[in-house]
């Protein structure tokens, strides 16, 4: 059974940092691209960053220069390091595994001004 479990969210002041983790199980982690998405209240879910099987990364414009996606295949875990956080980064953050389109349950990130 495929399972993705996010953790690391919380409340942080603007300018602060958080590191999100996505623990995966039930599939061969190294064969999948991993991505982070977020959904703010009243808005559509959007892609934040992706890391492929061969460690190619992609970032949304809003994340470039502030967020870093990484993965540890030995630990079956993907990470999102978020620095210089802004109030507009407030959202529920989800990880996703592709192919298959598997989603985690999300973790709340709240950035206060």
N, C-alpha and C. Protein backbone atom coordinates (compact mmCIF):
# COMPACT_ATOMS: atom_id res chain seq x y z
N UNK A 1 0.84 -1.19 0.00
CA UNK A 1 0.00 0.00 0.00
C UNK A 1 0.88 1.24 0.00
N UNK A 2 0.66 2.10 -0.99
CA UNK A 2 1.44 3.33 -1.09
C UNK A 2 1.03 4.29 0.02
N UNK A 3 2.02 4.85 0.68
CA UNK A 3 1.75 5.82 1.74
C UNK A 3 2.78 6.93 1.68
N UNK A 4 2.31 8.16 1.76
CA UNK A 4 3.17 9.34 1.85
C UNK A 4 2.73 10.12 3.08
N UNK A 5 3.68 10.40 3.96
CA UNK A 5 3.36 11.08 5.21
C UNK A 5 4.23 12.32 5.33
N UNK A 6 3.60 13.48 5.28
CA UNK A 6 4.32 14.74 5.43
C UNK A 6 4.42 15.12 6.90
N UNK A 7 5.50 15.83 7.21
CA UNK A 7 5.69 16.36 8.56
C UNK A 7 6.58 17.59 8.47
N UNK A 8 6.66 18.33 9.56
CA UNK A 8 7.56 19.48 9.62
C UNK A 8 6.88 20.83 9.50
N UNK A 9 5.58 20.83 9.24
CA UNK A 9 4.88 22.10 9.15
C UNK A 9 4.74 22.75 10.52
N UNK A 10 4.24 23.97 10.51
CA UNK A 10 4.03 24.68 11.77
C UNK A 10 3.86 26.15 11.55
N UNK A 11 3.95 26.88 12.65
CA UNK A 11 3.82 28.34 12.63
C UNK A 11 5.21 28.96 12.75
N UNK A 12 5.51 29.88 11.85
CA UNK A 12 6.82 30.54 11.85
C UNK A 12 6.63 32.00 11.48
N UNK A 13 7.51 32.84 11.96
CA UNK A 13 7.45 34.25 11.61
C UNK A 13 8.05 34.48 10.22
N UNK A 14 7.62 35.54 9.60
CA UNK A 14 8.17 35.91 8.30
C UNK A 14 9.69 36.03 8.41
N UNK A 15 10.38 35.49 7.40
CA UNK A 15 11.83 35.46 7.39
C UNK A 15 12.41 34.18 7.98
N UNK A 16 11.58 33.40 8.60
CA UNK A 16 12.04 32.16 9.22
C UNK A 16 12.14 31.02 8.23
N UNK A 17 12.45 29.84 8.78
CA UNK A 17 12.66 28.65 7.96
C UNK A 17 11.89 27.46 8.52
N UNK A 18 11.56 26.56 7.63
CA UNK A 18 10.99 25.27 7.99
C UNK A 18 11.53 24.22 7.03
N UNK A 19 11.61 22.99 7.51
CA UNK A 19 12.01 21.88 6.67
C UNK A 19 10.90 20.84 6.71
N UNK A 20 10.28 20.63 5.57
CA UNK A 20 9.24 19.62 5.45
C UNK A 20 9.85 18.29 5.03
N UNK A 21 9.26 17.22 5.55
CA UNK A 21 9.68 15.87 5.18
C UNK A 21 8.49 15.11 4.63
N UNK A 22 8.76 14.20 3.71
CA UNK A 22 7.74 13.32 3.15
C UNK A 22 8.28 11.90 3.19
N UNK A 23 7.79 11.11 4.13
CA UNK A 23 8.23 9.73 4.28
C UNK A 23 7.36 8.83 3.41
N UNK A 24 8.01 8.05 2.57
CA UNK A 24 7.29 7.22 1.60
C UNK A 24 7.43 5.74 1.94
N UNK A 25 6.41 4.98 1.60
CA UNK A 25 6.45 3.53 1.77
C UNK A 25 5.48 2.90 0.78
N UNK A 26 5.71 1.61 0.53
CA UNK A 26 4.79 0.87 -0.33
C UNK A 26 5.13 0.89 -1.80
N UNK A 27 6.24 1.51 -2.15
CA UNK A 27 6.68 1.51 -3.54
C UNK A 27 8.20 1.74 -3.58
N UNK A 28 8.79 1.54 -4.75
CA UNK A 28 10.23 1.72 -4.90
C UNK A 28 10.51 3.20 -5.06
N UNK A 29 10.86 3.82 -3.97
CA UNK A 29 10.98 5.28 -3.91
C UNK A 29 11.91 5.84 -4.98
N UNK A 30 13.02 5.18 -5.20
CA UNK A 30 14.02 5.71 -6.13
C UNK A 30 13.54 5.73 -7.57
N UNK A 31 12.46 5.02 -7.88
CA UNK A 31 11.93 4.97 -9.24
C UNK A 31 10.94 6.09 -9.54
N UNK A 32 10.63 6.89 -8.54
CA UNK A 32 9.59 7.89 -8.66
C UNK A 32 10.14 9.30 -8.56
N UNK A 33 9.57 10.20 -9.37
CA UNK A 33 9.79 11.61 -9.17
C UNK A 33 8.94 12.06 -7.98
N UNK A 34 9.47 12.99 -7.21
CA UNK A 34 8.75 13.51 -6.04
C UNK A 34 8.56 15.01 -6.22
N UNK A 35 7.42 15.47 -5.78
CA UNK A 35 7.15 16.90 -5.88
C UNK A 35 6.42 17.38 -4.63
N UNK A 36 6.53 18.68 -4.42
CA UNK A 36 5.79 19.36 -3.37
C UNK A 36 4.81 20.33 -4.01
N UNK A 37 3.62 20.35 -3.46
CA UNK A 37 2.56 21.24 -3.91
C UNK A 37 2.00 21.95 -2.68
N UNK A 38 1.28 23.01 -2.93
CA UNK A 38 0.64 23.69 -1.81
C UNK A 38 -0.71 24.23 -2.23
N UNK A 39 -1.58 24.38 -1.22
CA UNK A 39 -2.91 24.92 -1.47
C UNK A 39 -3.26 25.88 -0.35
N UNK A 40 -3.43 27.13 -0.73
CA UNK A 40 -3.84 28.16 0.22
C UNK A 40 -5.36 28.23 0.25
N UNK A 41 -5.95 28.74 1.31
CA UNK A 41 -7.41 28.84 1.39
C UNK A 41 -7.99 29.62 0.20
N UNK A 42 -8.98 29.02 -0.44
CA UNK A 42 -9.64 29.69 -1.55
C UNK A 42 -8.88 29.67 -2.86
N UNK A 43 -7.75 28.97 -2.88
CA UNK A 43 -6.93 28.93 -4.09
C UNK A 43 -6.75 27.49 -4.56
N UNK A 44 -6.35 27.36 -5.82
CA UNK A 44 -6.08 26.04 -6.37
C UNK A 44 -4.73 25.52 -5.87
N UNK A 45 -4.62 24.22 -5.86
CA UNK A 45 -3.35 23.60 -5.49
C UNK A 45 -2.33 23.92 -6.59
N UNK A 46 -1.12 24.26 -6.17
CA UNK A 46 -0.09 24.63 -7.14
C UNK A 46 1.20 23.87 -6.86
N UNK A 47 1.95 23.65 -7.94
CA UNK A 47 3.25 22.99 -7.84
C UNK A 47 4.26 23.97 -7.25
N UNK A 48 5.05 23.46 -6.30
CA UNK A 48 6.11 24.27 -5.70
C UNK A 48 7.48 23.84 -6.23
N UNK A 49 7.75 22.54 -6.21
CA UNK A 49 9.05 22.05 -6.64
C UNK A 49 8.97 20.57 -6.96
N UNK A 50 9.87 20.13 -7.85
CA UNK A 50 9.94 18.73 -8.26
C UNK A 50 11.38 18.28 -8.27
N UNK A 51 11.59 17.02 -7.92
CA UNK A 51 12.91 16.40 -8.07
C UNK A 51 12.71 15.05 -8.73
N UNK A 52 13.45 14.82 -9.81
CA UNK A 52 13.27 13.60 -10.57
C UNK A 52 14.11 12.46 -9.99
N UNK A 53 14.01 11.32 -10.64
CA UNK A 53 14.80 10.16 -10.22
C UNK A 53 16.30 10.42 -10.34
N UNK A 54 16.66 11.27 -11.32
CA UNK A 54 18.08 11.54 -11.56
C UNK A 54 18.48 12.89 -10.96
N UNK A 55 17.68 13.37 -10.03
CA UNK A 55 17.98 14.55 -9.21
C UNK A 55 17.89 15.87 -9.96
N UNK A 56 17.22 15.86 -11.11
CA UNK A 56 16.91 17.14 -11.76
C UNK A 56 15.83 17.84 -10.94
N UNK A 57 15.99 19.13 -10.73
CA UNK A 57 15.02 19.86 -9.93
C UNK A 57 14.34 20.95 -10.74
N UNK A 58 13.13 21.26 -10.33
CA UNK A 58 12.35 22.34 -10.93
C UNK A 58 11.67 23.10 -9.80
N UNK A 59 11.63 24.43 -9.95
CA UNK A 59 10.99 25.26 -8.93
C UNK A 59 10.01 26.23 -9.58
N UNK A 60 8.89 26.42 -8.93
CA UNK A 60 7.99 27.50 -9.32
C UNK A 60 8.70 28.83 -9.06
N UNK A 61 8.31 29.84 -9.79
CA UNK A 61 8.95 31.15 -9.63
C UNK A 61 8.88 31.63 -8.18
N UNK A 62 7.78 31.33 -7.51
CA UNK A 62 7.60 31.78 -6.13
C UNK A 62 8.57 31.11 -5.16
N UNK A 63 9.14 29.98 -5.57
CA UNK A 63 10.03 29.21 -4.70
C UNK A 63 11.51 29.39 -5.03
N UNK A 64 11.80 29.87 -6.21
CA UNK A 64 13.20 29.97 -6.64
C UNK A 64 14.01 30.87 -5.71
N UNK A 65 15.17 30.38 -5.31
CA UNK A 65 16.06 31.15 -4.46
C UNK A 65 15.75 31.07 -2.98
N UNK A 66 14.59 30.51 -2.63
CA UNK A 66 14.20 30.42 -1.22
C UNK A 66 13.99 28.98 -0.76
N UNK A 67 13.49 28.13 -1.63
CA UNK A 67 13.18 26.74 -1.28
C UNK A 67 14.17 25.81 -1.96
N UNK A 68 14.44 24.68 -1.32
CA UNK A 68 15.32 23.66 -1.88
C UNK A 68 14.67 22.29 -1.69
N UNK A 69 14.46 21.60 -2.79
CA UNK A 69 13.92 20.24 -2.73
C UNK A 69 15.08 19.25 -2.78
N UNK A 70 14.95 18.17 -2.04
CA UNK A 70 15.98 17.13 -2.04
C UNK A 70 15.32 15.79 -1.73
N UNK A 71 16.10 14.75 -1.85
CA UNK A 71 15.58 13.41 -1.54
C UNK A 71 16.71 12.55 -1.00
N UNK A 72 16.34 11.60 -0.18
CA UNK A 72 17.27 10.61 0.36
C UNK A 72 16.67 9.25 0.04
N UNK A 73 17.19 8.62 -1.01
CA UNK A 73 16.61 7.35 -1.43
C UNK A 73 16.85 6.24 -0.41
N UNK A 74 17.91 6.34 0.35
CA UNK A 74 18.18 5.33 1.39
C UNK A 74 17.15 5.41 2.51
N UNK A 75 16.62 6.61 2.74
CA UNK A 75 15.63 6.82 3.79
C UNK A 75 14.21 6.90 3.25
N UNK A 76 14.05 6.77 1.93
CA UNK A 76 12.71 6.86 1.30
C UNK A 76 12.00 8.14 1.71
N UNK A 77 12.74 9.24 1.68
CA UNK A 77 12.19 10.50 2.15
C UNK A 77 12.55 11.63 1.21
N UNK A 78 11.58 12.49 0.97
CA UNK A 78 11.80 13.73 0.23
C UNK A 78 11.69 14.90 1.20
N UNK A 79 12.40 15.96 0.88
CA UNK A 79 12.44 17.12 1.76
C UNK A 79 12.16 18.40 0.99
N UNK A 80 11.66 19.39 1.71
CA UNK A 80 11.55 20.73 1.17
C UNK A 80 12.06 21.70 2.24
N UNK A 81 13.24 22.25 1.99
CA UNK A 81 13.79 23.26 2.88
C UNK A 81 13.25 24.61 2.44
N UNK A 82 12.60 25.30 3.34
CA UNK A 82 11.98 26.60 3.02
C UNK A 82 12.62 27.68 3.88
N UNK A 83 13.27 28.62 3.22
CA UNK A 83 13.92 29.74 3.90
C UNK A 83 13.27 31.05 3.49
N UNK A 84 13.55 32.08 4.25
CA UNK A 84 13.01 33.42 3.96
C UNK A 84 11.50 33.36 3.71
N UNK A 85 10.82 32.69 4.60
CA UNK A 85 9.38 32.49 4.42
C UNK A 85 8.61 33.80 4.48
N UNK A 86 7.54 33.85 3.69
CA UNK A 86 6.68 35.03 3.60
C UNK A 86 5.26 34.64 4.00
N UNK A 87 4.46 35.60 4.43
CA UNK A 87 3.06 35.27 4.77
C UNK A 87 2.32 34.61 3.61
N UNK A 88 2.66 34.96 2.38
CA UNK A 88 1.98 34.36 1.23
C UNK A 88 2.38 32.91 0.99
N UNK A 89 3.33 32.40 1.75
CA UNK A 89 3.67 30.97 1.69
C UNK A 89 2.73 30.13 2.55
N UNK A 90 1.87 30.79 3.30
CA UNK A 90 0.92 30.07 4.15
C UNK A 90 0.01 29.19 3.30
N UNK A 91 -0.01 27.89 3.61
CA UNK A 91 -0.78 26.92 2.83
C UNK A 91 -0.65 25.55 3.47
N UNK A 92 -1.44 24.63 2.98
CA UNK A 92 -1.21 23.22 3.28
C UNK A 92 -0.27 22.70 2.20
N UNK A 93 0.80 22.06 2.62
CA UNK A 93 1.81 21.54 1.70
C UNK A 93 1.66 20.02 1.58
N UNK A 94 1.65 19.58 0.33
CA UNK A 94 1.46 18.17 0.03
C UNK A 94 2.66 17.64 -0.75
N UNK A 95 3.02 16.39 -0.52
CA UNK A 95 3.99 15.77 -1.40
C UNK A 95 3.26 14.80 -2.33
N UNK A 96 3.90 14.57 -3.45
CA UNK A 96 3.31 13.73 -4.48
C UNK A 96 4.37 12.87 -5.11
N UNK A 97 4.01 11.63 -5.43
CA UNK A 97 4.90 10.70 -6.11
C UNK A 97 4.35 10.43 -7.51
N UNK A 98 5.22 10.51 -8.49
CA UNK A 98 4.84 10.24 -9.87
C UNK A 98 5.79 9.22 -10.47
N UNK A 99 5.37 8.29 -11.30
CA UNK A 99 4.01 8.11 -11.81
C UNK A 99 3.05 7.56 -10.75
N UNK A 100 1.80 7.63 -11.08
CA UNK A 100 0.77 7.09 -10.18
C UNK A 100 -0.04 8.17 -9.51
N UNK A 101 0.56 9.37 -9.36
CA UNK A 101 -0.18 10.47 -8.77
C UNK A 101 -0.57 10.28 -7.33
N UNK A 102 0.31 9.68 -6.55
CA UNK A 102 0.01 9.45 -5.13
C UNK A 102 0.25 10.74 -4.34
N UNK A 103 -0.66 11.00 -3.39
CA UNK A 103 -0.59 12.19 -2.56
C UNK A 103 -0.50 11.84 -1.08
N UNK A 104 0.17 12.72 -0.34
CA UNK A 104 0.12 12.63 1.11
C UNK A 104 -1.08 13.39 1.63
N UNK A 105 -1.20 13.42 2.96
CA UNK A 105 -2.37 14.06 3.59
C UNK A 105 -2.17 15.55 3.81
N UNK A 106 -0.94 16.02 3.69
CA UNK A 106 -0.64 17.44 3.81
C UNK A 106 -0.17 17.84 5.20
N UNK A 107 0.57 18.93 5.23
CA UNK A 107 1.01 19.52 6.49
C UNK A 107 0.84 21.03 6.40
N UNK A 108 0.31 21.63 7.45
CA UNK A 108 0.00 23.06 7.44
C UNK A 108 1.25 23.89 7.72
N UNK A 109 1.46 24.88 6.90
CA UNK A 109 2.52 25.87 7.12
C UNK A 109 1.84 27.23 7.24
N UNK A 110 2.11 27.90 8.34
CA UNK A 110 1.54 29.23 8.58
C UNK A 110 2.68 30.20 8.86
N UNK A 111 2.74 31.27 8.08
CA UNK A 111 3.79 32.27 8.24
C UNK A 111 3.13 33.57 8.69
N UNK A 112 3.53 34.01 9.87
CA UNK A 112 2.94 35.24 10.42
C UNK A 112 3.80 36.45 10.03
N UNK A 113 3.15 37.58 9.88
CA UNK A 113 3.86 38.80 9.48
C UNK A 113 4.35 39.57 10.69
